[in-house]
Amino acid sequence: MSSPSKIVLCTGANQGLGYWIIQVAALRDPASTYILCSRNLENGRTALQKLKDAGVTAKVDLLQLEVTDDDQIAAAAKYVEKTYGRLDVLINNAGIPRVLPEDDLPALRRTFNELLNVNLTSVAVVTAAFKALLYKSSDPKVINISSGLGSCANSLTKKMGRAPGYGASKIGLNGLTVHMQVAENDRVAAEGQEGKPFIRFFVCAPGALKTAFNNYFAAGREPERGAEVAVHLIADDKKSYEGGSYWEFEEGEMRRVPW
């Protein structure tokens, strides 16, 4: 039996991990529609051509979206409502890294605020804007792109990169995801689940990748490999993965990441 077609929206998808999530997912499931969000429309058009050149035949819609711009977020939600009437999968991929200027206190505060605004606050705002459309899906999912640095357990016990600002923003993102799932669970318990859509919220760690995000880190994995964890969550029609969980894709299988 074929999987039902989906409307999938990914932020920050004109390059890097977001682009590869769309390419890998679209090649495997060409019946679904993918909404590629880009801050810059010209860069988005370049990405669309690249997808076509890679053999993608699925419908890929281009949408301008700067995740820190509330007017653009509202306009994007209205466009999706008018064009598709629902949203099945929201992928909050847009994010930024920053080096903390610890010798300049005002600059340190500005840098932390910028990190949290993009990597945490904007995820909450974008998700809130699309929630009504997610409830029109029969199996809505929100996939938040985190990092291995978002795991407190692994950061304390494994040799990993050290990026206090970025890592803290991803730990915050993980906490936000957990609490969005808890709120959703409470809503369902109060209203009764029978016949009602139930959003599953996920976080995933794609691993260190060779992308512009980290200046093409030499030891990083190829971004298409990093995309696998999100693609598996997109395709989970059997509800094998419970909401409020944290995942990575290693050695050909999905694995839970400790909080």
Protein backbone atom coordinates (compact mmCIF):
# COMPACT_ATOMS: atom_id res chain seq x y z
CA MET A 1 0.00 0.00 0.00
CA SER A 2 1.40 3.39 -0.95
CA SER A 3 1.87 6.08 1.65
CA PRO A 4 -0.57 8.99 1.66
CA SER A 5 0.69 12.12 -0.05
CA LYS A 6 1.80 14.86 2.30
CA ILE A 7 2.26 18.61 2.35
CA VAL A 8 5.72 19.14 3.84
CA LEU A 9 7.17 22.56 4.68
CA CYS A 10 10.85 23.07 5.55
CA THR A 11 12.37 26.36 6.70
CA GLY A 12 15.87 27.38 5.67
CA ALA A 13 15.77 24.94 2.77
CA ASN A 14 17.55 26.67 -0.11
CA GLN A 15 20.88 25.11 0.92
CA GLY A 16 22.54 22.81 3.41
CA LEU A 17 20.57 20.31 5.46
CA GLY A 18 17.16 21.77 4.63
CA TYR A 19 17.81 21.43 0.91
CA TRP A 20 18.94 17.84 1.31
CA ILE A 21 15.94 16.91 3.44
CA ILE A 22 13.71 18.00 0.58
CA GLN A 23 15.81 16.30 -2.09
CA VAL A 24 16.05 12.94 -0.31
CA ALA A 25 12.39 12.97 0.75
CA ALA A 26 11.13 14.08 -2.68
CA LEU A 27 13.10 11.41 -4.54
CA ARG A 28 11.63 8.73 -2.28
CA ASP A 29 8.10 10.10 -2.18
CA PRO A 30 7.38 12.04 -5.37
CA ALA A 31 3.64 11.99 -4.71
CA SER A 32 3.99 14.47 -1.87
CA THR A 33 4.34 18.24 -2.13
CA TYR A 34 7.30 20.06 -0.62
CA ILE A 35 7.37 23.72 0.32
CA LEU A 36 10.92 25.03 0.18
CA CYS A 37 11.29 28.12 2.35
CA SER A 38 14.09 30.57 1.68
CA ARG A 39 14.85 34.03 2.99
CA ASN A 40 16.00 35.02 -0.50
CA LEU A 41 13.81 34.09 -3.45
CA GLU A 42 16.66 34.06 -5.95
CA ASN A 43 18.56 31.57 -3.83
CA GLY A 44 15.36 29.56 -3.59
CA ARG A 45 14.99 29.51 -7.38
CA THR A 46 18.54 28.25 -7.68
CA ALA A 47 17.66 25.45 -5.25
CA LEU A 48 14.56 24.54 -7.29
CA GLN A 49 16.65 24.19 -10.43
CA LYS A 50 19.18 22.09 -8.56
CA LEU A 51 16.39 19.76 -7.41
CA LYS A 52 15.15 19.38 -10.98
CA ASP A 53 18.68 18.64 -12.17
CA ALA A 54 18.90 15.95 -9.47
CA GLY A 55 15.84 14.22 -10.90
CA VAL A 56 13.19 15.42 -8.47
CA THR A 57 9.76 15.18 -10.10
CA ALA A 58 7.67 15.95 -7.02
CA LYS A 59 5.98 19.31 -6.76
CA VAL A 60 8.27 21.72 -4.92
CA ASP A 61 6.76 25.09 -4.08
CA LEU A 62 8.97 28.07 -3.25
CA LEU A 63 7.99 30.34 -0.38
CA GLN A 64 9.86 33.34 0.98
CA LEU A 65 10.23 33.07 4.73
CA GLU A 66 12.53 34.83 7.16
CA VAL A 67 11.78 33.08 10.44
CA THR A 68 12.44 36.19 12.53
CA ASP A 69 9.92 38.25 10.54
CA ASP A 70 6.44 37.82 12.02
CA ASP A 71 4.72 39.41 9.02
CA GLN A 72 6.38 36.93 6.67
CA ILE A 73 5.46 34.05 8.96
CA ALA A 74 1.81 35.11 9.00
CA ALA A 75 1.82 35.58 5.22
CA ALA A 76 3.37 32.14 4.73
CA ALA A 77 0.70 30.49 6.86
CA LYS A 78 -2.05 32.28 4.90
CA TYR A 79 -0.49 31.16 1.62
CA VAL A 80 -0.36 27.52 2.71
CA GLU A 81 -3.95 27.71 3.96
CA LYS A 82 -5.20 29.20 0.69
CA THR A 83 -3.13 26.93 -1.56
CA TYR A 84 -3.24 23.58 0.24
CA GLY A 85 -5.72 23.85 3.09
CA ARG A 86 -3.55 21.89 5.49
CA LEU A 87 0.01 21.10 6.52
CA ASP A 88 1.10 17.55 7.32
CA VAL A 89 4.75 18.08 8.29
CA LEU A 90 6.48 21.21 9.55
CA ILE A 91 10.27 21.03 9.63
CA ASN A 92 11.87 23.80 11.67
CA ASN A 93 15.32 23.65 10.13
CA ALA A 94 16.44 27.30 9.91
CA GLY A 95 19.20 28.02 12.39
CA ILE A 96 22.44 29.91 12.89
CA PRO A 97 25.80 29.30 14.60
CA ARG A 98 27.66 32.10 16.35
CA VAL A 99 30.99 32.50 18.15
CA LEU A 100 30.49 34.20 21.50
CA PRO A 101 32.51 37.42 22.04
CA GLU A 102 33.12 36.84 25.73
CA ASP A 103 35.39 39.88 26.19
CA ASP A 104 32.61 42.30 25.17
CA LEU A 105 29.59 42.04 27.45
CA PRO A 106 27.07 43.99 25.31
CA ALA A 107 28.18 42.03 22.23
CA LEU A 108 27.87 38.77 24.18
CA ARG A 109 24.29 39.64 25.10
CA ARG A 110 23.46 40.60 21.51
CA THR A 111 24.94 37.37 20.19
CA PHE A 112 23.05 35.21 22.67
CA ASN A 113 19.82 37.04 21.90
CA GLU A 114 20.35 36.51 18.17
CA LEU A 115 21.04 32.80 18.65
CA LEU A 116 17.98 32.29 20.81
CA ASN A 117 15.76 34.40 18.56
CA VAL A 118 16.54 32.28 15.48
CA ASN A 119 17.15 28.86 17.00
CA LEU A 120 14.50 28.85 19.72
CA THR A 121 11.98 31.70 19.73
CA SER A 122 11.36 31.55 15.98
CA VAL A 123 10.63 27.82 16.20
CA ALA A 124 7.91 28.58 18.76
CA VAL A 125 6.47 31.38 16.63
CA VAL A 126 6.55 29.46 13.32
CA THR A 127 4.97 26.41 14.96
CA ALA A 128 2.22 28.53 16.50
CA ALA A 129 1.49 30.13 13.11
CA PHE A 130 1.03 26.77 11.39
CA LYS A 131 -0.69 24.87 14.21
CA ALA A 132 -4.21 25.41 12.87
CA LEU A 133 -3.14 23.97 9.52
CA LEU A 134 -1.43 21.03 11.19
CA TYR A 135 -4.70 20.19 12.94
CA LYS A 136 -6.28 19.79 9.49
CA SER A 137 -3.90 16.88 8.79
CA SER A 138 -4.77 13.31 9.70
CA ASP A 139 -1.25 12.72 11.03
CA PRO A 140 0.52 16.02 11.76
CA LYS A 141 4.18 16.15 12.68
CA VAL A 142 6.58 18.90 13.75
CA ILE A 143 10.25 18.03 13.27
CA ASN A 144 12.69 20.38 14.98
CA ILE A 145 16.28 20.16 13.80
CA SER A 146 18.46 20.05 16.88
CA SER A 147 22.06 18.87 17.28
CA GLY A 148 24.10 16.34 19.16
CA LEU A 149 25.15 19.33 21.28
CA GLY A 150 21.55 19.55 22.42
CA SER A 151 22.04 16.40 24.49
CA CYS A 152 23.10 17.25 28.04
CA ALA A 153 24.00 13.60 28.68
CA ASN A 154 26.25 13.29 25.63
CA SER A 155 27.83 16.71 26.08
CA LEU A 156 28.89 15.75 29.59
CA THR A 157 30.17 12.26 28.77
CA LYS A 158 31.45 12.29 25.18
CA LYS A 159 34.17 14.12 23.33
CA MET A 160 32.16 16.60 21.29
CA GLY A 161 32.43 20.07 19.87
CA ARG A 162 32.31 22.94 22.32
CA ALA A 163 29.92 25.73 21.37
CA PRO A 164 28.22 27.04 24.53
CA GLY A 165 25.90 29.52 22.82
CA TYR A 166 24.77 27.28 19.98
CA GLY A 167 24.61 24.22 22.24
CA ALA A 168 22.50 26.08 24.78
CA SER A 169 20.09 27.20 22.06
CA LYS A 170 19.63 23.58 20.97
CA ILE A 171 19.15 22.37 24.54
CA GLY A 172 16.49 25.07 24.76
CA LEU A 173 14.96 23.82 21.51
CA ASN A 174 14.82 20.29 22.89
CA GLY A 175 13.08 21.57 26.01
CA LEU A 176 10.62 23.57 23.95
CA THR A 177 9.80 20.47 21.91
CA VAL A 178 9.20 18.38 25.01
CA HIS A 179 6.89 20.98 26.50
CA MET A 180 4.98 21.44 23.23
CA GLN A 181 4.40 17.68 23.24
CA VAL A 182 3.31 17.70 26.87
CA ALA A 183 0.85 20.52 26.13
CA GLU A 184 -0.47 18.54 23.16
CA ASN A 185 -0.83 15.41 25.29
CA ASP A 186 -2.74 17.40 27.90
CA ARG A 187 -5.02 18.87 25.22
CA VAL A 188 -5.85 15.43 23.88
CA ALA A 189 -6.45 14.05 27.36
CA ALA A 190 -8.81 16.92 28.15
CA GLU A 191 -10.69 16.87 24.85
CA GLY A 192 -10.60 13.15 24.11
CA GLN A 193 -8.45 11.74 21.31
CA GLU A 194 -11.10 9.86 19.33
CA GLY A 195 -11.32 11.32 15.82
CA LYS A 196 -9.07 14.29 16.58
CA PRO A 197 -5.67 15.10 15.02
CA PHE A 198 -2.75 14.64 17.38
CA ILE A 199 0.52 16.45 16.66
CA ARG A 200 3.72 14.51 17.23
CA PHE A 201 6.68 16.76 18.01
CA PHE A 202 10.20 15.47 17.36
CA VAL A 203 13.77 16.68 17.66
CA CYS A 204 16.57 15.13 15.67
CA ALA A 205 20.35 15.32 15.50
CA PRO A 206 21.68 15.13 11.92
CA GLY A 207 25.33 15.11 12.99
CA ALA A 208 28.13 17.46 11.99
CA LEU A 209 27.79 18.01 8.25
CA LYS A 210 29.86 19.35 5.38
CA THR A 211 27.76 22.42 4.66
CA ALA A 212 28.13 26.19 4.59
CA PHE A 213 26.58 26.21 8.08
CA ASN A 214 29.90 25.10 9.58
CA ASN A 215 32.27 26.20 6.79
CA TYR A 216 32.22 22.72 5.23
CA PHE A 217 33.70 20.98 8.27
CA ALA A 218 36.28 18.55 6.86
CA ALA A 219 35.39 15.73 9.25
CA GLY A 220 31.65 16.18 8.72
CA ARG A 221 29.34 13.72 7.02
CA GLU A 222 27.66 14.35 3.70
CA PRO A 223 24.44 16.35 4.18
CA GLU A 224 22.30 13.77 2.41
CA ARG A 225 23.30 11.33 5.14
CA GLY A 226 22.42 13.89 7.79
CA ALA A 227 18.99 14.30 6.19
CA GLU A 228 18.08 10.66 6.80
CA VAL A 229 16.84 11.13 10.35
CA ALA A 230 14.32 13.79 9.32
CA VAL A 231 13.29 11.86 6.19
CA HIS A 232 12.53 8.78 8.28
CA LEU A 233 10.35 10.85 10.60
CA ILE A 234 8.52 12.43 7.65
CA ALA A 235 7.75 8.97 6.29
CA ASP A 236 6.56 7.48 9.59
CA ASP A 237 2.95 6.76 8.66
CA LYS A 238 2.78 3.75 10.99
CA LYS A 239 3.50 5.95 14.02
CA SER A 240 6.55 3.93 14.99
CA TYR A 241 8.12 6.97 16.65
CA GLU A 242 6.32 8.51 19.59
CA GLY A 243 5.97 12.25 19.94
CA GLY A 244 8.31 14.00 22.32
CA SER A 245 11.33 11.93 21.28
CA TYR A 246 14.89 12.74 20.15
CA TRP A 247 16.43 10.84 17.24
CA GLU A 248 19.54 10.27 15.15
CA PHE A 249 20.21 7.98 12.20
CA GLU A 250 23.37 5.92 12.68
CA GLU A 251 24.66 2.78 10.98
CA GLY A 252 21.51 2.46 8.92
CA GLU A 253 19.00 2.69 11.76
CA MET A 254 17.06 5.17 13.82
CA ARG A 255 18.38 5.56 17.36
CA ARG A 256 17.17 7.51 20.34
CA VAL A 257 19.43 10.27 21.62
CA PRO A 258 19.59 10.72 25.40
CA TRP A 259 18.37 14.06 26.69
